[in-house]
Amino acid sequence: MVYRLLAVNIDGTLLQTNSRLHKTTKEAIEFVHQKGVFVALVTSRNFASARKVAKALKIKPHIVAHQGAYVGAFDKPILVKRISEDLTLELVKLLEVSSSQIKLYHEKYMIGNRVNLPENLVGKASFYKNEPFFYSHQYVDILSEALAAQPAAPPKIDVICDTVSELKDLMTALGTMYDEIDTIQINENKFTIVPKGVSKWDGLRYLAQHLNVRTSEIVAIGDGTDDFDMIEQAGLGVAMGNAVKEVKSAADWQTRTNDQQGVAYTVKELFRKQQQIEHKDLNKDLKVNK
């Protein structure tokens, strides 16, 4: 089988536990790119954060960010799905009744509410060690008032809860009340709100269609529960050695951990004997859904 698109999750997959990119992994990504294989970073991160990781590679990969709501080339969007301004304001007003931290992510900025969650919860659930400083972060006392004055239509909203029961209650309420959105649980204290039908796999599949790549020609590598669909549906799904149990059960193959350079090992094993791919440049008009 000839694989034409390599899709790699960032945290827990491409990066080591210390959030660093190992030299061996970087060289492996360059190696597969030189063979004519498209490379995509597929992540729950915002676009600016994902692009900073992409800059550390020696190539310019495609980026599927915001949990799949943003699909783009290295420097321009192909597709962006958003939660409407009116619905965003309505959701925030509902969420403000709880004690949760609410964070709206746009491609160029983040705005969130100030809350008194334990520092260990906020630190664990909301920040990446290499979050770019040029990506604007703003915190306000009452988020709904800020949005009423300056409306926003974000690709995703992150919600960090004080307790597991609060998270479950909010996800159940939102799922019952709104048909226009989906909720994705990230961990025991954090979930993400995205436009209906958005997922990492949905974004990756859209990118593959744009690149004229069949789903059977995709290799997807990941570790988290939100990687489950793309690993199960891709032509070859690869679970990291540090992946959660559900992801390992869905995978066709299991590799080493992120601290053992599992991505590099996978790439060398799968693409070492694959011949270089010749493909035409894509000159399609890029249309962005806003």
C-alpha atoms as a PDB file:
ATOM      1  CA  MET A   1       0.000   0.000   0.000  1.00  0.00           C
ATOM      2  CA  VAL A   2       1.240   3.491  -0.897  1.00  0.00           C
ATOM      3  CA  TYR A   3       0.463   6.071   1.777  1.00  0.00           C
ATOM      4  CA  ARG A   4       0.196   9.699   0.619  1.00  0.00           C
ATOM      5  CA  LEU A   5      -0.774  11.601   3.781  1.00  0.00           C
ATOM      6  CA  LEU A   6       0.783  11.348   7.241  1.00  0.00           C
ATOM      7  CA  ALA A   7      -1.403  12.850   9.995  1.00  0.00           C
ATOM      8  CA  VAL A   8       0.238  13.341  13.388  1.00  0.00           C
ATOM      9  CA  ASN A   9      -1.235  14.573  16.651  1.00  0.00           C
ATOM     10  CA  ILE A  10       0.996  17.054  18.504  1.00  0.00           C
ATOM     11  CA  ASP A  11       0.863  16.668  22.291  1.00  0.00           C
ATOM     12  CA  GLY A  12       1.688  13.190  23.515  1.00  0.00           C
ATOM     13  CA  THR A  13       2.576  12.125  19.980  1.00  0.00           C
ATOM     14  CA  LEU A  14       4.876  14.413  17.984  1.00  0.00           C
ATOM     15  CA  LEU A  15       6.243  16.109  21.107  1.00  0.00           C
ATOM     16  CA  GLN A  16       7.893  14.451  24.066  1.00  0.00           C
ATOM     17  CA  THR A  17       6.399  14.704  27.558  1.00  0.00           C
ATOM     18  CA  ASN A  18       8.569  17.796  28.169  1.00  0.00           C
ATOM     19  CA  SER A  19       6.907  19.423  25.114  1.00  0.00           C
ATOM     20  CA  ARG A  20      10.144  19.312  23.111  1.00  0.00           C
ATOM     21  CA  LEU A  21      10.539  18.070  19.559  1.00  0.00           C
ATOM     22  CA  HIS A  22      13.267  15.435  19.363  1.00  0.00           C
ATOM     23  CA  LYS A  23      15.845  15.776  16.577  1.00  0.00           C
ATOM     24  CA  THR A  24      15.141  12.207  15.404  1.00  0.00           C
ATOM     25  CA  THR A  25      11.430  12.952  15.029  1.00  0.00           C
ATOM     26  CA  LYS A  26      12.139  16.136  13.101  1.00  0.00           C
ATOM     27  CA  GLU A  27      14.438  14.260  10.714  1.00  0.00           C
ATOM     28  CA  ALA A  28      11.833  11.511  10.220  1.00  0.00           C
ATOM     29  CA  ILE A  29       9.159  14.054   9.266  1.00  0.00           C
ATOM     30  CA  GLU A  30      11.555  15.638   6.776  1.00  0.00           C
ATOM     31  CA  PHE A  31      12.367  12.183   5.379  1.00  0.00           C
ATOM     32  CA  VAL A  32       8.748  11.305   4.652  1.00  0.00           C
ATOM     33  CA  HIS A  33       8.097  14.761   3.192  1.00  0.00           C
ATOM     34  CA  GLN A  34      10.990  14.296   0.764  1.00  0.00           C
ATOM     35  CA  LYS A  35       9.277  11.147  -0.478  1.00  0.00           C
ATOM     36  CA  GLY A  36       6.350  13.265  -1.664  1.00  0.00           C
ATOM     37  CA  VAL A  37       4.059  12.392   1.243  1.00  0.00           C
ATOM     38  CA  PHE A  38       1.814  15.166   2.550  1.00  0.00           C
ATOM     39  CA  VAL A  39       2.219  15.862   6.272  1.00  0.00           C
ATOM     40  CA  ALA A  40      -0.495  17.283   8.529  1.00  0.00           C
ATOM     41  CA  LEU A  41      -0.409  18.232  12.190  1.00  0.00           C
ATOM     42  CA  VAL A  42      -3.823  17.391  13.671  1.00  0.00           C
ATOM     43  CA  THR A  43      -4.458  18.931  17.074  1.00  0.00           C
ATOM     44  CA  SER A  44      -6.865  20.376  19.605  1.00  0.00           C
ATOM     45  CA  ARG A  45      -4.509  23.345  19.896  1.00  0.00           C
ATOM     46  CA  ASN A  46      -5.371  26.708  18.389  1.00  0.00           C
ATOM     47  CA  PHE A  47      -3.893  27.517  14.986  1.00  0.00           C
ATOM     48  CA  ALA A  48      -1.204  29.900  16.268  1.00  0.00           C
ATOM     49  CA  SER A  49       0.089  27.348  18.765  1.00  0.00           C
ATOM     50  CA  ALA A  50       0.036  24.552  16.179  1.00  0.00           C
ATOM     51  CA  ARG A  51       1.837  26.745  13.665  1.00  0.00           C
ATOM     52  CA  LYS A  52       4.642  27.439  16.147  1.00  0.00           C
ATOM     53  CA  VAL A  53       5.215  23.692  16.471  1.00  0.00           C
ATOM     54  CA  ALA A  54       5.081  23.408  12.676  1.00  0.00           C
ATOM     55  CA  LYS A  55       7.796  26.064  12.360  1.00  0.00           C
ATOM     56  CA  ALA A  56      10.135  23.839  14.361  1.00  0.00           C
ATOM     57  CA  LEU A  57       9.980  21.265  11.558  1.00  0.00           C
ATOM     58  CA  LYS A  58      12.114  21.639   8.458  1.00  0.00           C
ATOM     59  CA  ILE A  59       9.002  21.546   6.271  1.00  0.00           C
ATOM     60  CA  LYS A  60       5.723  23.466   6.086  1.00  0.00           C
ATOM     61  CA  PRO A  61       3.034  20.927   6.974  1.00  0.00           C
ATOM     62  CA  HIS A  62      -0.709  21.335   6.651  1.00  0.00           C
ATOM     63  CA  ILE A  63      -2.501  22.104   9.902  1.00  0.00           C
ATOM     64  CA  VAL A  64      -5.786  20.786  11.257  1.00  0.00           C
ATOM     65  CA  ALA A  65      -6.333  22.764  14.464  1.00  0.00           C
ATOM     66  CA  HIS A  66      -9.066  23.778  16.896  1.00  0.00           C
ATOM     67  CA  GLN A  67     -10.142  20.138  17.227  1.00  0.00           C
ATOM     68  CA  GLY A  68     -10.741  19.998  13.446  1.00  0.00           C
ATOM     69  CA  ALA A  69     -12.652  23.278  13.052  1.00  0.00           C
ATOM     70  CA  TYR A  70      -9.644  24.866  11.300  1.00  0.00           C
ATOM     71  CA  VAL A  71      -8.112  23.236   8.227  1.00  0.00           C
ATOM     72  CA  GLY A  72      -5.308  24.983   6.425  1.00  0.00           C
ATOM     73  CA  ALA A  73      -2.028  25.052   4.635  1.00  0.00           C
ATOM     74  CA  PHE A  74       0.949  26.223   6.671  1.00  0.00           C
ATOM     75  CA  ASP A  75       0.118  29.903   6.170  1.00  0.00           C
ATOM     76  CA  LYS A  76      -3.500  30.135   4.983  1.00  0.00           C
ATOM     77  CA  PRO A  77      -6.870  28.592   5.816  1.00  0.00           C
ATOM     78  CA  ILE A  78      -8.725  26.171   3.580  1.00  0.00           C
ATOM     79  CA  LEU A  79     -11.770  25.792   5.802  1.00  0.00           C
ATOM     80  CA  VAL A  80     -12.823  27.360   9.100  1.00  0.00           C
ATOM     81  CA  LYS A  81     -16.023  26.318  10.876  1.00  0.00           C
ATOM     82  CA  ARG A  82     -17.269  28.641  13.589  1.00  0.00           C
ATOM     83  CA  ILE A  83     -19.823  28.885  16.363  1.00  0.00           C
ATOM     84  CA  SER A  84     -22.017  31.871  15.463  1.00  0.00           C
ATOM     85  CA  GLU A  85     -21.760  35.110  17.439  1.00  0.00           C
ATOM     86  CA  ASP A  86     -25.306  34.845  18.798  1.00  0.00           C
ATOM     87  CA  LEU A  87     -24.891  31.213  19.845  1.00  0.00           C
ATOM     88  CA  THR A  88     -21.494  31.926  21.409  1.00  0.00           C
ATOM     89  CA  LEU A  89     -23.006  34.636  23.602  1.00  0.00           C
ATOM     90  CA  GLU A  90     -25.906  32.363  24.565  1.00  0.00           C
ATOM     91  CA  LEU A  91     -23.564  29.501  25.479  1.00  0.00           C
ATOM     92  CA  VAL A  92     -21.329  31.751  27.555  1.00  0.00           C
ATOM     93  CA  LYS A  93     -24.293  33.115  29.512  1.00  0.00           C
ATOM     94  CA  LEU A  94     -25.356  29.554  30.313  1.00  0.00           C
ATOM     95  CA  LEU A  95     -21.836  28.486  31.298  1.00  0.00           C
ATOM     96  CA  GLU A  96     -21.324  31.525  33.515  1.00  0.00           C
ATOM     97  CA  VAL A  97     -23.911  30.139  35.929  1.00  0.00           C
ATOM     98  CA  SER A  98     -21.362  27.451  36.778  1.00  0.00           C
ATOM     99  CA  SER A  99     -17.956  27.942  38.395  1.00  0.00           C
ATOM    100  CA  SER A 100     -16.138  26.914  35.200  1.00  0.00           C
ATOM    101  CA  GLN A 101     -13.432  28.728  33.321  1.00  0.00           C
ATOM    102  CA  ILE A 102     -14.561  29.534  29.779  1.00  0.00           C
ATOM    103  CA  LYS A 103     -12.019  30.178  27.028  1.00  0.00           C
ATOM    104  CA  LEU A 104     -12.944  31.241  23.493  1.00  0.00           C
ATOM    105  CA  TYR A 105     -10.286  30.453  20.910  1.00  0.00           C
ATOM    106  CA  HIS A 106      -9.981  32.400  17.682  1.00  0.00           C
ATOM    107  CA  GLU A 107      -7.115  31.960  15.225  1.00  0.00           C
ATOM    108  CA  LYS A 108      -5.565  35.214  16.424  1.00  0.00           C
ATOM    109  CA  TYR A 109      -6.570  35.541  20.063  1.00  0.00           C
ATOM    110  CA  MET A 110      -8.064  33.910  23.154  1.00  0.00           C
ATOM    111  CA  ILE A 111     -10.496  35.549  25.554  1.00  0.00           C
ATOM    112  CA  GLY A 112     -11.614  33.954  28.813  1.00  0.00           C
ATOM    113  CA  ASN A 113     -13.196  34.670  32.177  1.00  0.00           C
ATOM    114  CA  ARG A 114     -11.380  35.076  35.467  1.00  0.00           C
ATOM    115  CA  VAL A 115     -12.288  32.338  37.921  1.00  0.00           C
ATOM    116  CA  ASN A 116     -10.844  30.902  41.118  1.00  0.00           C
ATOM    117  CA  LEU A 117     -10.218  27.341  40.031  1.00  0.00           C
ATOM    118  CA  PRO A 118      -7.359  25.496  41.762  1.00  0.00           C
ATOM    119  CA  GLU A 119      -4.078  26.301  40.009  1.00  0.00           C
ATOM    120  CA  ASN A 120      -3.310  22.647  39.378  1.00  0.00           C
ATOM    121  CA  LEU A 121      -6.554  22.237  37.410  1.00  0.00           C
ATOM    122  CA  VAL A 122      -6.056  25.341  35.297  1.00  0.00           C
ATOM    123  CA  GLY A 123      -2.402  24.560  34.644  1.00  0.00           C
ATOM    124  CA  LYS A 124      -3.074  20.946  33.723  1.00  0.00           C
ATOM    125  CA  ALA A 125      -6.088  21.582  31.535  1.00  0.00           C
ATOM    126  CA  SER A 126      -5.509  24.851  29.749  1.00  0.00           C
ATOM    127  CA  PHE A 127      -1.906  25.692  28.924  1.00  0.00           C
ATOM    128  CA  TYR A 128       0.786  24.349  26.644  1.00  0.00           C
ATOM    129  CA  LYS A 129       4.402  24.950  27.589  1.00  0.00           C
ATOM    130  CA  ASN A 130       5.235  26.439  24.209  1.00  0.00           C
ATOM    131  CA  GLU A 131       2.076  28.516  23.770  1.00  0.00           C
ATOM    132  CA  PRO A 132       3.238  31.432  21.576  1.00  0.00           C
ATOM    133  CA  PHE A 133       3.633  34.760  23.330  1.00  0.00           C
ATOM    134  CA  PHE A 134       2.384  36.594  20.240  1.00  0.00           C
ATOM    135  CA  TYR A 135      -0.972  34.865  20.587  1.00  0.00           C
ATOM    136  CA  SER A 136      -3.097  37.371  22.521  1.00  0.00           C
ATOM    137  CA  HIS A 137      -4.596  36.175  25.830  1.00  0.00           C
ATOM    138  CA  GLN A 138      -7.219  38.353  27.499  1.00  0.00           C
ATOM    139  CA  TYR A 139      -9.117  37.650  30.717  1.00  0.00           C
ATOM    140  CA  VAL A 140     -12.212  39.552  31.795  1.00  0.00           C
ATOM    141  CA  ASP A 141     -14.446  39.438  34.864  1.00  0.00           C
ATOM    142  CA  ILE A 142     -17.717  38.855  32.987  1.00  0.00           C
ATOM    143  CA  LEU A 143     -17.166  37.232  29.608  1.00  0.00           C
ATOM    144  CA  SER A 144     -20.741  37.685  28.370  1.00  0.00           C
ATOM    145  CA  GLU A 145     -20.464  41.464  28.827  1.00  0.00           C
ATOM    146  CA  ALA A 146     -17.237  41.533  26.817  1.00  0.00           C
ATOM    147  CA  LEU A 147     -18.872  39.516  24.023  1.00  0.00           C
ATOM    148  CA  ALA A 148     -21.942  41.744  23.998  1.00  0.00           C
ATOM    149  CA  ALA A 149     -19.645  44.715  23.400  1.00  0.00           C
ATOM    150  CA  GLN A 150     -17.394  42.894  20.924  1.00  0.00           C
ATOM    151  CA  PRO A 151     -19.033  39.748  19.451  1.00  0.00           C
ATOM    152  CA  ALA A 152     -16.903  36.731  18.531  1.00  0.00           C
ATOM    153  CA  ALA A 153     -17.458  33.601  16.428  1.00  0.00           C
ATOM    154  CA  PRO A 154     -14.803  31.145  17.633  1.00  0.00           C
ATOM    155  CA  PRO A 155     -13.961  27.760  16.077  1.00  0.00           C
ATOM    156  CA  LYS A 156     -13.995  26.275  19.586  1.00  0.00           C
ATOM    157  CA  ILE A 157     -14.712  27.006  23.231  1.00  0.00           C
ATOM    158  CA  ASP A 158     -12.858  25.245  26.049  1.00  0.00           C
ATOM    159  CA  VAL A 159     -14.557  24.723  29.406  1.00  0.00           C
ATOM    160  CA  ILE A 160     -12.552  23.775  32.509  1.00  0.00           C
ATOM    161  CA  CYS A 161     -14.689  22.511  35.388  1.00  0.00           C
ATOM    162  CA  ASP A 162     -14.059  22.363  39.110  1.00  0.00           C
ATOM    163  CA  THR A 163     -15.471  18.850  39.456  1.00  0.00           C
ATOM    164  CA  VAL A 164     -16.170  15.796  37.306  1.00  0.00           C
ATOM    165  CA  SER A 165     -19.871  15.964  38.140  1.00  0.00           C
ATOM    166  CA  GLU A 166     -20.049  19.579  36.970  1.00  0.00           C
ATOM    167  CA  LEU A 167     -18.426  18.608  33.686  1.00  0.00           C
ATOM    168  CA  LYS A 168     -20.902  15.793  33.106  1.00  0.00           C
ATOM    169  CA  ASP A 169     -23.875  17.988  33.980  1.00  0.00           C
ATOM    170  CA  LEU A 170     -22.774  20.764  31.621  1.00  0.00           C
ATOM    171  CA  MET A 171     -22.058  18.387  28.734  1.00  0.00           C
ATOM    172  CA  THR A 172     -25.460  16.723  29.195  1.00  0.00           C
ATOM    173  CA  ALA A 173     -27.267  20.063  29.337  1.00  0.00           C
ATOM    174  CA  LEU A 174     -25.544  21.430  26.258  1.00  0.00           C
ATOM    175  CA  GLY A 175     -26.125  18.225  24.297  1.00  0.00           C
ATOM    176  CA  THR A 176     -29.836  18.343  25.144  1.00  0.00           C
ATOM    177  CA  MET A 177     -30.379  22.034  24.454  1.00  0.00           C
ATOM    178  CA  TYR A 178     -28.331  22.702  21.310  1.00  0.00           C
ATOM    179  CA  ASP A 179     -28.293  20.867  17.990  1.00  0.00           C
ATOM    180  CA  GLU A 180     -25.757  23.251  16.450  1.00  0.00           C
ATOM    181  CA  ILE A 181     -22.789  22.125  18.519  1.00  0.00           C
ATOM    182  CA  ASP A 182     -20.906  19.044  19.686  1.00  0.00           C
ATOM    183  CA  THR A 183     -19.076  18.613  22.991  1.00  0.00           C
ATOM    184  CA  ILE A 184     -15.831  16.638  23.219  1.00  0.00           C
ATOM    185  CA  GLN A 185     -14.420  15.561  26.579  1.00  0.00           C
ATOM    186  CA  ILE A 186     -10.664  16.106  26.744  1.00  0.00           C
ATOM    187  CA  ASN A 187      -9.988  14.901  30.291  1.00  0.00           C
ATOM    188  CA  GLU A 188     -11.840  14.575  33.594  1.00  0.00           C
ATOM    189  CA  ASN A 189     -12.034  18.349  34.082  1.00  0.00           C
ATOM    190  CA  LYS A 190     -12.059  19.775  30.559  1.00  0.00           C
ATOM    191  CA  PHE A 191     -14.339  19.607  27.535  1.00  0.00           C
ATOM    192  CA  THR A 192     -14.460  21.473  24.242  1.00  0.00           C
ATOM    193  CA  ILE A 193     -17.440  22.923  22.377  1.00  0.00           C
ATOM    194  CA  VAL A 194     -17.199  22.899  18.566  1.00  0.00           C
ATOM    195  CA  PRO A 195     -19.614  23.407  15.654  1.00  0.00           C
ATOM    196  CA  LYS A 196     -21.784  20.383  14.866  1.00  0.00           C
ATOM    197  CA  GLY A 197     -19.926  17.599  13.088  1.00  0.00           C
ATOM    198  CA  VAL A 198     -16.454  18.956  13.876  1.00  0.00           C
ATOM    199  CA  SER A 199     -13.748  16.520  14.951  1.00  0.00           C
ATOM    200  CA  LYS A 200     -10.116  15.846  14.183  1.00  0.00           C
ATOM    201  CA  TRP A 201     -11.200  13.145  11.738  1.00  0.00           C
ATOM    202  CA  ASP A 202     -13.732  15.454  10.060  1.00  0.00           C
ATOM    203  CA  GLY A 203     -11.021  18.070   9.514  1.00  0.00           C
ATOM    204  CA  LEU A 204      -8.464  15.515   8.348  1.00  0.00           C
ATOM    205  CA  ARG A 205     -10.939  13.969   5.918  1.00  0.00           C
ATOM    206  CA  TYR A 206     -11.704  17.412   4.452  1.00  0.00           C
ATOM    207  CA  LEU A 207      -7.975  18.055   3.997  1.00  0.00           C
ATOM    208  CA  ALA A 208      -7.522  14.674   2.310  1.00  0.00           C
ATOM    209  CA  GLN A 209     -10.301  15.474  -0.166  1.00  0.00           C
ATOM    210  CA  HIS A 210      -8.665  18.830  -0.883  1.00  0.00           C
ATOM    211  CA  LEU A 211      -5.367  17.051  -1.587  1.00  0.00           C
ATOM    212  CA  ASN A 212      -7.043  14.308  -3.669  1.00  0.00           C
ATOM    213  CA  VAL A 213      -5.972  11.673  -1.170  1.00  0.00           C
ATOM    214  CA  ARG A 214      -8.183   8.673  -0.400  1.00  0.00           C
ATOM    215  CA  THR A 215      -8.831   7.840   3.239  1.00  0.00           C
ATOM    216  CA  SER A 216      -7.167   4.471   2.646  1.00  0.00           C
ATOM    217  CA  GLU A 217      -3.957   6.388   1.828  1.00  0.00           C
ATOM    218  CA  ILE A 218      -3.816   8.132   5.223  1.00  0.00           C
ATOM    219  CA  VAL A 219      -1.570   7.131   8.125  1.00  0.00           C
ATOM    220  CA  ALA A 220      -2.860   8.665  11.385  1.00  0.00           C
ATOM    221  CA  ILE A 221      -0.832   8.652  14.604  1.00  0.00           C
ATOM    222  CA  GLY A 222      -2.211   9.729  17.991  1.00  0.00           C
ATOM    223  CA  ASP A 223      -2.600   9.010  21.682  1.00  0.00           C
ATOM    224  CA  GLY A 224      -5.716  10.717  23.098  1.00  0.00           C
ATOM    225  CA  THR A 225      -9.425   9.934  23.115  1.00  0.00           C
ATOM    226  CA  ASP A 226     -10.057  12.708  20.586  1.00  0.00           C
ATOM    227  CA  ASP A 227      -7.715  10.851  18.190  1.00  0.00           C
ATOM    228  CA  PHE A 228      -9.911   7.730  18.307  1.00  0.00           C
ATOM    229  CA  ASP A 229     -11.959   8.419  15.157  1.00  0.00           C
ATOM    230  CA  MET A 230      -9.047   9.324  12.906  1.00  0.00           C
ATOM    231  CA  ILE A 231      -7.059   6.285  14.034  1.00  0.00           C
ATOM    232  CA  GLU A 232     -10.040   4.004  13.541  1.00  0.00           C
ATOM    233  CA  GLN A 233     -11.037   5.445  10.137  1.00  0.00           C
ATOM    234  CA  ALA A 234      -7.646   6.112   8.505  1.00  0.00           C
ATOM    235  CA  GLY A 235      -6.077   3.637   6.131  1.00  0.00           C
ATOM    236  CA  LEU A 236      -3.558   2.831   8.857  1.00  0.00           C
ATOM    237  CA  GLY A 237      -4.210   3.936  12.417  1.00  0.00           C
ATOM    238  CA  VAL A 238      -1.211   3.976  14.755  1.00  0.00           C
ATOM    239  CA  ALA A 239      -1.453   4.298  18.544  1.00  0.00           C
ATOM    240  CA  MET A 240       1.437   5.644  20.548  1.00  0.00           C
ATOM    241  CA  GLY A 241       2.812   3.433  23.304  1.00  0.00           C
ATOM    242  CA  ASN A 242       1.532   6.055  25.762  1.00  0.00           C
ATOM    243  CA  ALA A 243      -1.949   6.149  24.173  1.00  0.00           C
ATOM    244  CA  VAL A 244      -5.103   5.578  26.192  1.00  0.00           C
ATOM    245  CA  LYS A 245      -6.589   2.090  26.135  1.00  0.00           C
ATOM    246  CA  GLU A 246      -9.462   2.990  23.784  1.00  0.00           C
ATOM    247  CA  VAL A 247      -7.088   4.349  21.152  1.00  0.00           C
ATOM    248  CA  LYS A 248      -4.859   1.290  21.332  1.00  0.00           C
ATOM    249  CA  SER A 249      -7.899  -0.925  20.774  1.00  0.00           C
ATOM    250  CA  ALA A 250      -8.884   1.041  17.657  1.00  0.00           C
ATOM    251  CA  ALA A 251      -5.393   1.076  16.128  1.00  0.00           C
ATOM    252  CA  ASP A 252      -4.018  -1.190  13.421  1.00  0.00           C
ATOM    253  CA  TRP A 253      -0.555  -0.889  14.888  1.00  0.00           C
ATOM    254  CA  GLN A 254       1.025   0.238  18.160  1.00  0.00           C
ATOM    255  CA  THR A 255       4.349   2.033  18.231  1.00  0.00           C
ATOM    256  CA  ARG A 256       6.728   3.254  20.920  1.00  0.00           C
ATOM    257  CA  THR A 257       5.931   6.086  23.352  1.00  0.00           C
ATOM    258  CA  ASN A 258       6.439   9.770  22.599  1.00  0.00           C
ATOM    259  CA  ASP A 259       9.512   9.787  24.851  1.00  0.00           C
ATOM    260  CA  GLN A 260      10.893   6.866  22.833  1.00  0.00           C
ATOM    261  CA  GLN A 261      10.369   8.731  19.528  1.00  0.00           C
ATOM    262  CA  GLY A 262       7.411   6.578  18.458  1.00  0.00           C
ATOM    263  CA  VAL A 263       6.608   8.817  15.499  1.00  0.00           C
ATOM    264  CA  ALA A 264      10.136   8.523  14.101  1.00  0.00           C
ATOM    265  CA  TYR A 265      10.091   4.748  14.542  1.00  0.00           C
ATOM    266  CA  THR A 266       6.717   4.478  12.754  1.00  0.00           C
ATOM    267  CA  VAL A 267       7.773   6.669   9.851  1.00  0.00           C
ATOM    268  CA  LYS A 268      10.971   4.732   9.239  1.00  0.00           C
ATOM    269  CA  GLU A 269       9.197   1.381   9.408  1.00  0.00           C
ATOM    270  CA  LEU A 270       6.317   2.349   7.123  1.00  0.00           C
ATOM    271  CA  PHE A 271       7.961   4.613   4.568  1.00  0.00           C
ATOM    272  CA  ARG A 272      11.520   3.281   4.331  1.00  0.00           C
ATOM    273  CA  LYS A 273      10.799   1.210   1.218  1.00  0.00           C
ATOM    274  CA  GLN A 274       8.049   3.394  -0.255  1.00  0.00           C
ATOM    275  CA  GLN A 275       9.018   5.000  -3.557  1.00  0.00           C
ATOM    276  CA  GLN A 276       8.919   8.754  -3.977  1.00  0.00           C
ATOM    277  CA  ILE A 277       5.493  10.066  -4.980  1.00  0.00           C
ATOM    278  CA  GLU A 278       5.136  12.431  -7.899  1.00  0.00           C
ATOM    279  CA  HIS A 279       2.060  14.638  -7.708  1.00  0.00           C
ATOM    280  CA  LYS A 280       0.871  17.828  -9.353  1.00  0.00           C
ATOM    281  CA  ASP A 281       0.822  21.078  -7.416  1.00  0.00           C
ATOM    282  CA  LEU A 282      -2.583  21.946  -6.106  1.00  0.00           C
ATOM    283  CA  ASN A 283      -3.728  25.326  -7.360  1.00  0.00           C
ATOM    284  CA  LYS A 284      -7.261  25.219  -6.054  1.00  0.00           C
ATOM    285  CA  ASP A 285      -8.968  28.362  -4.890  1.00  0.00           C
ATOM    286  CA  LEU A 286      -9.080  28.362  -1.134  1.00  0.00           C
ATOM    287  CA  LYS A 287     -12.571  29.112   0.171  1.00  0.00           C
ATOM    288  CA  VAL A 288     -13.059  29.795   3.840  1.00  0.00           C
ATOM    289  CA  ASN A 289     -16.348  29.191   5.629  1.00  0.00           C
ATOM    290  CA  LYS A 290     -16.892  31.921   8.197  1.00  0.00           C
END
